[in-house]
Amino acid sequence: MSSETDIADSQQMLGRLARTGFGGTEEVSVVTSPGARVSAWPVKVKSLSLYNVYNVRTVIIGGAGSLPVEIGSQMQAVNLAESFIDEGQLAAGTHVVMFKVGEKNVFYAPV
């Protein structure tokens, strides 16, 4: 799968979420081939950085009934559901699925 296809697939998914919201979305699937890197992963929002940019941290989802475990260091990601010119309103502690689009980390989480 080429990077152009990955970007097109991510853009289609974000477009779908923008139209329907998360209410109709119950799961996200990621398919990779051996040697390929994962293009989406779960993160926890730690804090607001600026406008619609948040500090996030990767989490590992365990078995049913277990809490997600934070790993790695914080990084920044843009919430595409919020305005690029207004202060973000997403609560710290929210779990979202983050995608790598070009050089940016993005997610879609309506407030």
Protein backbone atom coordinates (compact mmCIF):
# COMPACT_ATOMS: atom_id res chain seq x y z
CA MET A 1 0.00 0.00 0.00
CA SER A 2 1.53 3.33 -1.01
CA SER A 3 1.70 6.44 1.13
CA GLU A 4 -0.70 8.23 -1.27
CA THR A 5 -3.25 5.46 -0.70
CA ASP A 6 -2.72 5.71 3.07
CA ILE A 7 -3.32 9.47 2.97
CA ALA A 8 -6.40 9.07 0.75
CA ASP A 9 -7.83 6.40 3.08
CA SER A 10 -7.20 8.60 6.13
CA GLN A 11 -8.80 11.60 4.43
CA GLN A 12 -11.86 9.52 3.52
CA MET A 13 -12.20 8.31 7.11
CA LEU A 14 -11.88 11.84 8.50
CA GLY A 15 -14.45 13.05 5.96
CA ARG A 16 -16.85 10.29 7.03
CA LEU A 17 -16.37 11.19 10.69
CA ALA A 18 -16.92 14.88 9.92
CA ARG A 19 -20.28 14.06 8.33
CA THR A 20 -21.56 11.47 10.83
CA GLY A 21 -19.57 12.06 14.02
CA PHE A 22 -18.49 9.29 16.35
CA GLY A 23 -22.07 8.27 17.20
CA GLY A 24 -22.21 5.79 14.32
CA THR A 25 -18.59 4.69 14.65
CA GLU A 26 -17.99 1.84 17.05
CA GLU A 27 -14.50 0.69 16.10
CA VAL A 28 -11.50 1.58 13.98
CA SER A 29 -9.56 -1.10 12.13
CA VAL A 30 -6.02 -0.77 10.90
CA VAL A 31 -4.59 -3.28 8.42
CA THR A 32 -0.85 -3.38 7.83
CA SER A 33 1.51 -5.71 6.04
CA PRO A 34 4.74 -7.15 7.46
CA GLY A 35 7.30 -4.37 7.75
CA ALA A 36 4.72 -1.62 7.37
CA ARG A 37 4.16 0.86 10.15
CA VAL A 38 0.81 1.42 11.79
CA SER A 39 -0.89 4.58 10.50
CA ALA A 40 -3.31 4.98 13.44
CA TRP A 41 -3.03 4.33 17.16
CA PRO A 42 -4.83 5.19 20.41
CA VAL A 43 -3.73 8.19 22.45
CA LYS A 44 -4.85 10.00 25.59
CA VAL A 45 -5.27 13.78 25.56
CA LYS A 46 -3.03 15.20 28.31
CA SER A 47 -3.57 18.96 27.88
CA LEU A 48 -4.35 21.78 25.47
CA SER A 49 -1.29 23.31 23.83
CA LEU A 50 -2.64 26.11 21.63
CA TYR A 51 -5.86 26.63 19.63
CA ASN A 52 -6.85 23.10 18.47
CA VAL A 53 -3.43 21.54 19.14
CA TYR A 54 -3.23 19.13 22.08
CA ASN A 55 -0.47 17.33 23.97
CA VAL A 56 -1.19 13.60 23.73
CA ARG A 57 0.45 10.36 24.81
CA THR A 58 0.21 6.90 23.22
CA VAL A 59 -1.70 4.25 25.16
CA ILE A 60 -1.83 0.47 24.98
CA ILE A 61 -5.32 -0.97 25.19
CA GLY A 62 -5.44 -4.12 27.33
CA GLY A 63 -8.16 -6.67 27.94
CA ALA A 64 -11.78 -5.83 28.73
CA GLY A 65 -12.10 -4.06 32.06
CA SER A 66 -8.45 -2.96 32.21
CA LEU A 67 -7.28 0.65 32.03
CA PRO A 68 -5.22 1.81 29.04
CA VAL A 69 -1.50 2.09 29.88
CA GLU A 70 0.39 5.22 28.77
CA ILE A 71 3.70 4.65 26.99
CA GLY A 72 6.33 6.82 25.34
CA SER A 73 6.66 10.57 25.54
CA GLN A 74 4.13 13.31 24.86
CA MET A 75 3.64 14.60 21.34
CA GLN A 76 1.33 17.14 19.77
CA ALA A 77 -1.70 16.45 17.62
CA VAL A 78 -4.36 18.59 15.94
CA ASN A 79 -8.09 18.02 16.60
CA LEU A 80 -9.71 18.48 13.19
CA ALA A 81 -13.19 18.72 14.76
CA GLU A 82 -12.34 22.11 16.28
CA SER A 83 -11.70 25.49 14.74
CA PHE A 84 -8.14 26.34 13.79
CA ILE A 85 -8.57 29.88 15.16
CA ASP A 86 -10.46 29.31 18.44
CA GLU A 87 -9.26 27.88 21.75
CA GLY A 88 -9.82 24.10 21.97
CA GLN A 89 -12.39 22.69 24.42
CA LEU A 90 -11.56 18.96 24.50
CA ALA A 91 -11.19 17.62 28.05
CA ALA A 92 -7.89 16.18 29.28
CA GLY A 93 -8.16 12.43 29.76
CA THR A 94 -10.14 11.86 26.56
CA HIS A 95 -9.00 8.83 24.51
CA VAL A 96 -8.91 9.21 20.72
CA VAL A 97 -7.48 7.46 17.67
CA MET A 98 -4.65 9.50 16.16
CA PHE A 99 -3.49 9.34 12.54
CA LYS A 100 -0.25 10.44 10.92
CA VAL A 101 -1.07 12.59 7.88
CA GLY A 102 2.06 13.81 6.15
CA GLU A 103 4.18 15.29 8.94
CA LYS A 104 1.23 16.03 11.26
CA ASN A 105 -0.52 13.97 13.92
CA VAL A 106 -4.30 14.46 13.68
CA PHE A 107 -7.47 13.15 15.27
CA TYR A 108 -11.18 13.96 15.05
CA ALA A 109 -12.99 14.35 18.38
CA PRO A 110 -16.11 16.55 18.55
CA VAL A 111 -16.54 18.43 21.81
